[in-house]
Amino acid sequence: MNGYVVVAFIGATPAEVAQAQRLAKNWEAQRHLMLKPQSMKAVAIRQSPTVALTQAELRSDLVSAALAEPP
């Protein structure tokens, strides 16, 4: 996506979503400090514990999350 590889941390429960957000934020902080590859972007995605995302829905969520934050 726009030259970036997107790394997604996915959580279903509120605790998992919070952990996914922390992991993605930590990854992005390290990327901005040049400790992670500049071509990789991390995002957090929430998935419902009762409804599995289809491949298209997951891709759409990944693209939306990646575009929502500046690279």
PDB file of N, CA and C in Angstrom:
ATOM      1  N   MET A   1       0.839  -1.174   0.000  1.00  0.00           N
ATOM      2  CA  MET A   1       0.000   0.000   0.000  1.00  0.00           C
ATOM      3  C   MET A   1       0.888   1.242   0.000  1.00  0.00           C
ATOM      4  N   ASN A   2       0.885   1.984  -1.064  1.00  0.00           N
ATOM      5  CA  ASN A   2       1.686   3.208  -1.191  1.00  0.00           C
ATOM      6  C   ASN A   2       3.150   2.973  -0.824  1.00  0.00           C
ATOM      7  N   GLY A   3       3.659   1.780  -1.111  1.00  0.00           N
ATOM      8  CA  GLY A   3       5.044   1.485  -0.824  1.00  0.00           C
ATOM      9  C   GLY A   3       5.314   1.008   0.587  1.00  0.00           C
ATOM     10  N   TYR A   4       4.293   0.922   1.409  1.00  0.00           N
ATOM     11  CA  TYR A   4       4.445   0.463   2.792  1.00  0.00           C
ATOM     12  C   TYR A   4       3.977  -0.982   2.914  1.00  0.00           C
ATOM     13  N   VAL A   5       4.614  -1.706   3.788  1.00  0.00           N
ATOM     14  CA  VAL A   5       4.113  -2.997   4.233  1.00  0.00           C
ATOM     15  C   VAL A   5       3.343  -2.686   5.508  1.00  0.00           C
ATOM     16  N   VAL A   6       2.121  -3.162   5.611  1.00  0.00           N
ATOM     17  CA  VAL A   6       1.293  -2.865   6.777  1.00  0.00           C
ATOM     18  C   VAL A   6       1.304  -4.063   7.722  1.00  0.00           C
ATOM     19  N   VAL A   7       1.682  -3.815   8.971  1.00  0.00           N
ATOM     20  CA  VAL A   7       1.660  -4.816  10.027  1.00  0.00           C
ATOM     21  C   VAL A   7       0.444  -4.509  10.884  1.00  0.00           C
ATOM     22  N   ALA A   8      -0.467  -5.479  11.010  1.00  0.00           N
ATOM     23  CA  ALA A   8      -1.694  -5.247  11.774  1.00  0.00           C
ATOM     24  C   ALA A   8      -1.685  -6.065  13.053  1.00  0.00           C
ATOM     25  N   PHE A   9      -2.025  -5.402  14.149  1.00  0.00           N
ATOM     26  CA  PHE A   9      -2.243  -6.066  15.418  1.00  0.00           C
ATOM     27  C   PHE A   9      -3.752  -6.081  15.612  1.00  0.00           C
ATOM     28  N   ILE A  10      -4.342  -7.270  15.750  1.00  0.00           N
ATOM     29  CA  ILE A  10      -5.795  -7.413  15.776  1.00  0.00           C
ATOM     30  C   ILE A  10      -6.241  -7.892  17.147  1.00  0.00           C
ATOM     31  N   GLY A  11      -7.282  -7.259  17.669  1.00  0.00           N
ATOM     32  CA  GLY A  11      -7.843  -7.650  18.959  1.00  0.00           C
ATOM     33  C   GLY A  11      -9.344  -7.785  18.867  1.00  0.00           C
ATOM     34  N   ALA A  12      -9.900  -8.702  19.651  1.00  0.00           N
ATOM     35  CA  ALA A  12     -11.345  -8.911  19.655  1.00  0.00           C
ATOM     36  C   ALA A  12     -11.984  -8.362  20.930  1.00  0.00           C
ATOM     37  N   THR A  13     -11.389  -8.632  22.071  1.00  0.00           N
ATOM     38  CA  THR A  13     -11.937  -8.138  23.334  1.00  0.00           C
ATOM     39  C   THR A  13     -11.381  -6.742  23.597  1.00  0.00           C
ATOM     40  N   PRO A  14     -12.007  -5.983  24.485  1.00  0.00           N
ATOM     41  CA  PRO A  14     -11.476  -4.655  24.792  1.00  0.00           C
ATOM     42  C   PRO A  14     -10.011  -4.693  25.258  1.00  0.00           C
ATOM     43  N   ALA A  15      -9.637  -5.699  26.046  1.00  0.00           N
ATOM     44  CA  ALA A  15      -8.252  -5.811  26.504  1.00  0.00           C
ATOM     45  C   ALA A  15      -7.312  -6.099  25.335  1.00  0.00           C
ATOM     46  N   GLU A  16      -7.735  -6.972  24.424  1.00  0.00           N
ATOM     47  CA  GLU A  16      -6.906  -7.287  23.259  1.00  0.00           C
ATOM     48  C   GLU A  16      -6.768  -6.082  22.335  1.00  0.00           C
ATOM     49  N   VAL A  17      -7.851  -5.322  22.173  1.00  0.00           N
ATOM     50  CA  VAL A  17      -7.806  -4.125  21.335  1.00  0.00           C
ATOM     51  C   VAL A  17      -6.854  -3.103  21.945  1.00  0.00           C
ATOM     52  N   ALA A  18      -6.912  -2.929  23.256  1.00  0.00           N
ATOM     53  CA  ALA A  18      -6.004  -1.992  23.929  1.00  0.00           C
ATOM     54  C   ALA A  18      -4.561  -2.438  23.754  1.00  0.00           C
ATOM     55  N   GLN A  19      -4.315  -3.734  23.869  1.00  0.00           N
ATOM     56  CA  GLN A  19      -2.966  -4.251  23.678  1.00  0.00           C
ATOM     57  C   GLN A  19      -2.524  -4.053  22.225  1.00  0.00           C
ATOM     58  N   ALA A  20      -3.409  -4.294  21.271  1.00  0.00           N
ATOM     59  CA  ALA A  20      -3.083  -4.092  19.861  1.00  0.00           C
ATOM     60  C   ALA A  20      -2.739  -2.630  19.598  1.00  0.00           C
ATOM     61  N   GLN A  21      -3.482  -1.714  20.205  1.00  0.00           N
ATOM     62  CA  GLN A  21      -3.195  -0.287  20.037  1.00  0.00           C
ATOM     63  C   GLN A  21      -1.845   0.076  20.634  1.00  0.00           C
ATOM     64  N   ARG A  22      -1.526  -0.469  21.802  1.00  0.00           N
ATOM     65  CA  ARG A  22      -0.214  -0.209  22.423  1.00  0.00           C
ATOM     66  C   ARG A  22       0.920  -0.743  21.544  1.00  0.00           C
ATOM     67  N   LEU A  23       0.749  -1.959  21.024  1.00  0.00           N
ATOM     68  CA  LEU A  23       1.776  -2.556  20.176  1.00  0.00           C
ATOM     69  C   LEU A  23       1.995  -1.742  18.903  1.00  0.00           C
ATOM     70  N   ALA A  24       0.898  -1.329  18.274  1.00  0.00           N
ATOM     71  CA  ALA A  24       1.007  -0.535  17.041  1.00  0.00           C
ATOM     72  C   ALA A  24       1.644   0.823  17.332  1.00  0.00           C
ATOM     73  N   LYS A  25       1.244   1.449  18.421  1.00  0.00           N
ATOM     74  CA  LYS A  25       1.810   2.754  18.778  1.00  0.00           C
ATOM     75  C   LYS A  25       3.306   2.631  19.076  1.00  0.00           C
ATOM     76  N   ASN A  26       3.693   1.565  19.795  1.00  0.00           N
ATOM     77  CA  ASN A  26       5.095   1.329  20.110  1.00  0.00           C
ATOM     78  C   ASN A  26       5.900   1.085  18.825  1.00  0.00           C
ATOM     79  N   TRP A  27       5.348   0.274  17.933  1.00  0.00           N
ATOM     80  CA  TRP A  27       6.011  -0.013  16.652  1.00  0.00           C
ATOM     81  C   TRP A  27       6.232   1.294  15.878  1.00  0.00           C
ATOM     82  N   GLU A  28       5.190   2.126  15.806  1.00  0.00           N
ATOM     83  CA  GLU A  28       5.291   3.385  15.062  1.00  0.00           C
ATOM     84  C   GLU A  28       6.313   4.328  15.700  1.00  0.00           C
ATOM     85  N   ALA A  29       6.350   4.363  17.025  1.00  0.00           N
ATOM     86  CA  ALA A  29       7.341   5.208  17.702  1.00  0.00           C
ATOM     87  C   ALA A  29       8.750   4.742  17.363  1.00  0.00           C
ATOM     88  N   GLN A  30       8.966   3.437  17.365  1.00  0.00           N
ATOM     89  CA  GLN A  30      10.278   2.900  17.014  1.00  0.00           C
ATOM     90  C   GLN A  30      10.607   3.156  15.542  1.00  0.00           C
ATOM     91  N   ARG A  31       9.602   3.095  14.691  1.00  0.00           N
ATOM     92  CA  ARG A  31       9.816   3.358  13.267  1.00  0.00           C
ATOM     93  C   ARG A  31      10.249   4.807  13.054  1.00  0.00           C
ATOM     94  N   HIS A  32       9.637   5.724  13.771  1.00  0.00           N
ATOM     95  CA  HIS A  32       9.989   7.133  13.633  1.00  0.00           C
ATOM     96  C   HIS A  32      11.369   7.435  14.206  1.00  0.00           C
ATOM     97  N   LEU A  33      11.839   6.596  15.122  1.00  0.00           N
ATOM     98  CA  LEU A  33      13.183   6.742  15.668  1.00  0.00           C
ATOM     99  C   LEU A  33      14.218   5.964  14.845  1.00  0.00           C
ATOM    100  N   MET A  34      13.772   5.414  13.701  1.00  0.00           N
ATOM    101  CA  MET A  34      14.619   4.642  12.790  1.00  0.00           C
ATOM    102  C   MET A  34      15.068   3.302  13.396  1.00  0.00           C
ATOM    103  N   LEU A  35      14.318   2.778  14.364  1.00  0.00           N
ATOM    104  CA  LEU A  35      14.629   1.480  14.944  1.00  0.00           C
ATOM    105  C   LEU A  35      13.883   0.347  14.244  1.00  0.00           C
ATOM    106  N   LYS A  36      12.878   0.672  13.469  1.00  0.00           N
ATOM    107  CA  LYS A  36      12.122  -0.289  12.666  1.00  0.00           C
ATOM    108  C   LYS A  36      12.240   0.146  11.211  1.00  0.00           C
ATOM    109  N   PRO A  37      12.031  -0.778  10.278  1.00  0.00           N
ATOM    110  CA  PRO A  37      12.105  -0.397   8.866  1.00  0.00           C
ATOM    111  C   PRO A  37      11.118   0.720   8.520  1.00  0.00           C
ATOM    112  N   GLN A  38      11.579   1.683   7.762  1.00  0.00           N
ATOM    113  CA  GLN A  38      10.740   2.822   7.396  1.00  0.00           C
ATOM    114  C   GLN A  38       9.634   2.428   6.424  1.00  0.00           C
ATOM    115  N   SER A  39       9.784   1.301   5.764  1.00  0.00           N
ATOM    116  CA  SER A  39       8.794   0.871   4.781  1.00  0.00           C
ATOM    117  C   SER A  39       7.671   0.035   5.400  1.00  0.00           C
ATOM    118  N   MET A  40       7.692  -0.126   6.729  1.00  0.00           N
ATOM    119  CA  MET A  40       6.658  -0.907   7.404  1.00  0.00           C
ATOM    120  C   MET A  40       5.857   0.000   8.332  1.00  0.00           C
ATOM    121  N   LYS A  41       4.544  -0.106   8.263  1.00  0.00           N
ATOM    122  CA  LYS A  41       3.642   0.714   9.065  1.00  0.00           C
ATOM    123  C   LYS A  41       2.793  -0.211   9.922  1.00  0.00           C
ATOM    124  N   ALA A  42       2.604   0.125  11.180  1.00  0.00           N
ATOM    125  CA  ALA A  42       1.810  -0.700  12.094  1.00  0.00           C
ATOM    126  C   ALA A  42       0.470  -0.032  12.380  1.00  0.00           C
ATOM    127  N   VAL A  43      -0.580  -0.857  12.435  1.00  0.00           N
ATOM    128  CA  VAL A  43      -1.922  -0.369  12.754  1.00  0.00           C
ATOM    129  C   VAL A  43      -2.596  -1.361  13.698  1.00  0.00           C
ATOM    130  N   ALA A  44      -3.601  -0.889  14.418  1.00  0.00           N
ATOM    131  CA  ALA A  44      -4.412  -1.743  15.284  1.00  0.00           C
ATOM    132  C   ALA A  44      -5.796  -1.867  14.662  1.00  0.00           C
ATOM    133  N   ILE A  45      -6.328  -3.083  14.654  1.00  0.00           N
ATOM    134  CA  ILE A  45      -7.637  -3.363  14.080  1.00  0.00           C
ATOM    135  C   ILE A  45      -8.489  -4.048  15.139  1.00  0.00           C
ATOM    136  N   ARG A  46      -9.752  -3.649  15.228  1.00  0.00           N
ATOM    137  CA  ARG A  46     -10.682  -4.312  16.150  1.00  0.00           C
ATOM    138  C   ARG A  46     -11.532  -5.279  15.347  1.00  0.00           C
ATOM    139  N   GLN A  47     -11.571  -6.518  15.802  1.00  0.00           N
ATOM    140  CA  GLN A  47     -12.415  -7.528  15.173  1.00  0.00           C
ATOM    141  C   GLN A  47     -13.427  -8.000  16.194  1.00  0.00           C
ATOM    142  N   SER A  48     -14.662  -8.117  15.779  1.00  0.00           N
ATOM    143  CA  SER A  48     -15.710  -8.564  16.682  1.00  0.00           C
ATOM    144  C   SER A  48     -15.460 -10.016  17.084  1.00  0.00           C
ATOM    145  N   PRO A  49     -15.637 -10.332  18.366  1.00  0.00           N
ATOM    146  CA  PRO A  49     -15.437 -11.718  18.792  1.00  0.00           C
ATOM    147  C   PRO A  49     -16.531 -12.657  18.291  1.00  0.00           C
ATOM    148  N   THR A  50     -17.664 -12.116  17.834  1.00  0.00           N
ATOM    149  CA  THR A  50     -18.768 -12.969  17.379  1.00  0.00           C
ATOM    150  C   THR A  50     -18.879 -13.046  15.867  1.00  0.00           C
ATOM    151  N   VAL A  51     -18.248 -12.116  15.147  1.00  0.00           N
ATOM    152  CA  VAL A  51     -18.336 -12.100  13.687  1.00  0.00           C
ATOM    153  C   VAL A  51     -16.931 -12.031  13.105  1.00  0.00           C
ATOM    154  N   ALA A  52     -16.567 -13.035  12.341  1.00  0.00           N
ATOM    155  CA  ALA A  52     -15.246 -13.039  11.707  1.00  0.00           C
ATOM    156  C   ALA A  52     -15.269 -12.118  10.495  1.00  0.00           C
ATOM    157  N   LEU A  53     -14.182 -11.406  10.285  1.00  0.00           N
ATOM    158  CA  LEU A  53     -14.073 -10.539   9.117  1.00  0.00           C
ATOM    159  C   LEU A  53     -13.747 -11.364   7.881  1.00  0.00           C
ATOM    160  N   THR A  54     -14.349 -10.996   6.764  1.00  0.00           N
ATOM    161  CA  THR A  54     -13.973 -11.619   5.508  1.00  0.00           C
ATOM    162  C   THR A  54     -12.639 -11.020   5.071  1.00  0.00           C
ATOM    163  N   GLN A  55     -12.001 -11.622   4.078  1.00  0.00           N
ATOM    164  CA  GLN A  55     -10.736 -11.089   3.577  1.00  0.00           C
ATOM    165  C   GLN A  55     -10.924  -9.654   3.078  1.00  0.00           C
ATOM    166  N   ALA A  56     -12.023  -9.381   2.397  1.00  0.00           N
ATOM    167  CA  ALA A  56     -12.281  -8.036   1.870  1.00  0.00           C
ATOM    168  C   ALA A  56     -12.482  -7.031   3.000  1.00  0.00           C
ATOM    169  N   GLU A  57     -13.225  -7.430   4.042  1.00  0.00           N
ATOM    170  CA  GLU A  57     -13.448  -6.534   5.183  1.00  0.00           C
ATOM    171  C   GLU A  57     -12.148  -6.261   5.931  1.00  0.00           C
ATOM    172  N   LEU A  58     -11.335  -7.296   6.112  1.00  0.00           N
ATOM    173  CA  LEU A  58     -10.058  -7.123   6.790  1.00  0.00           C
ATOM    174  C   LEU A  58      -9.157  -6.197   5.988  1.00  0.00           C
ATOM    175  N   ARG A  59      -9.099  -6.404   4.683  1.00  0.00           N
ATOM    176  CA  ARG A  59      -8.278  -5.540   3.824  1.00  0.00           C
ATOM    177  C   ARG A  59      -8.767  -4.100   3.896  1.00  0.00           C
ATOM    178  N   SER A  60     -10.080  -3.907   3.849  1.00  0.00           N
ATOM    179  CA  SER A  60     -10.656  -2.566   3.925  1.00  0.00           C
ATOM    180  C   SER A  60     -10.305  -1.891   5.253  1.00  0.00           C
ATOM    181  N   ASP A  61     -10.408  -2.640   6.357  1.00  0.00           N
ATOM    182  CA  ASP A  61     -10.056  -2.093   7.673  1.00  0.00           C
ATOM    183  C   ASP A  61      -8.578  -1.740   7.749  1.00  0.00           C
ATOM    184  N   LEU A  62      -7.726  -2.597   7.183  1.00  0.00           N
ATOM    185  CA  LEU A  62      -6.285  -2.327   7.177  1.00  0.00           C
ATOM    186  C   LEU A  62      -5.972  -1.057   6.404  1.00  0.00           C
ATOM    187  N   VAL A  63      -6.553  -0.914   5.228  1.00  0.00           N
ATOM    188  CA  VAL A  63      -6.313   0.271   4.402  1.00  0.00           C
ATOM    189  C   VAL A  63      -6.818   1.519   5.114  1.00  0.00           C
ATOM    190  N   SER A  64      -8.007   1.442   5.686  1.00  0.00           N
ATOM    191  CA  SER A  64      -8.568   2.597   6.406  1.00  0.00           C
ATOM    192  C   SER A  64      -7.688   3.006   7.584  1.00  0.00           C
ATOM    193  N   ALA A  65      -7.239   2.026   8.350  1.00  0.00           N
ATOM    194  CA  ALA A  65      -6.403   2.321   9.519  1.00  0.00           C
ATOM    195  C   ALA A  65      -5.053   2.884   9.086  1.00  0.00           C
ATOM    196  N   ALA A  66      -4.485   2.338   8.037  1.00  0.00           N
ATOM    197  CA  ALA A  66      -3.184   2.802   7.582  1.00  0.00           C
ATOM    198  C   ALA A  66      -3.258   4.218   7.021  1.00  0.00           C
ATOM    199  N   LEU A  67      -4.346   4.544   6.355  1.00  0.00           N
ATOM    200  CA  LEU A  67      -4.496   5.874   5.781  1.00  0.00           C
ATOM    201  C   LEU A  67      -4.900   6.916   6.826  1.00  0.00           C
ATOM    202  N   ALA A  68      -5.446   6.465   7.948  1.00  0.00           N
ATOM    203  CA  ALA A  68      -5.917   7.404   8.980  1.00  0.00           C
ATOM    204  C   ALA A  68      -4.771   8.081   9.708  1.00  0.00           C
ATOM    205  N   GLU A  69      -3.609   7.445   9.756  1.00  0.00           N
ATOM    206  CA  GLU A  69      -2.471   8.003  10.469  1.00  0.00           C
ATOM    207  C   GLU A  69      -1.412   8.427   9.460  1.00  0.00           C
ATOM    208  N   PRO A  70      -0.769   9.563   9.687  1.00  0.00           N
ATOM    209  CA  PRO A  70       0.275   9.977   8.747  1.00  0.00           C
ATOM    210  C   PRO A  70       1.463   9.017   8.798  1.00  0.00           C
ATOM    211  N   PRO A  71       2.095   8.745   7.645  1.00  0.00           N
ATOM    212  CA  PRO A  71       3.226   7.819   7.630  1.00  0.00           C
ATOM    213  C   PRO A  71       4.431   8.352   8.374  1.00  0.00           C
TER     214      PRO A  71
END
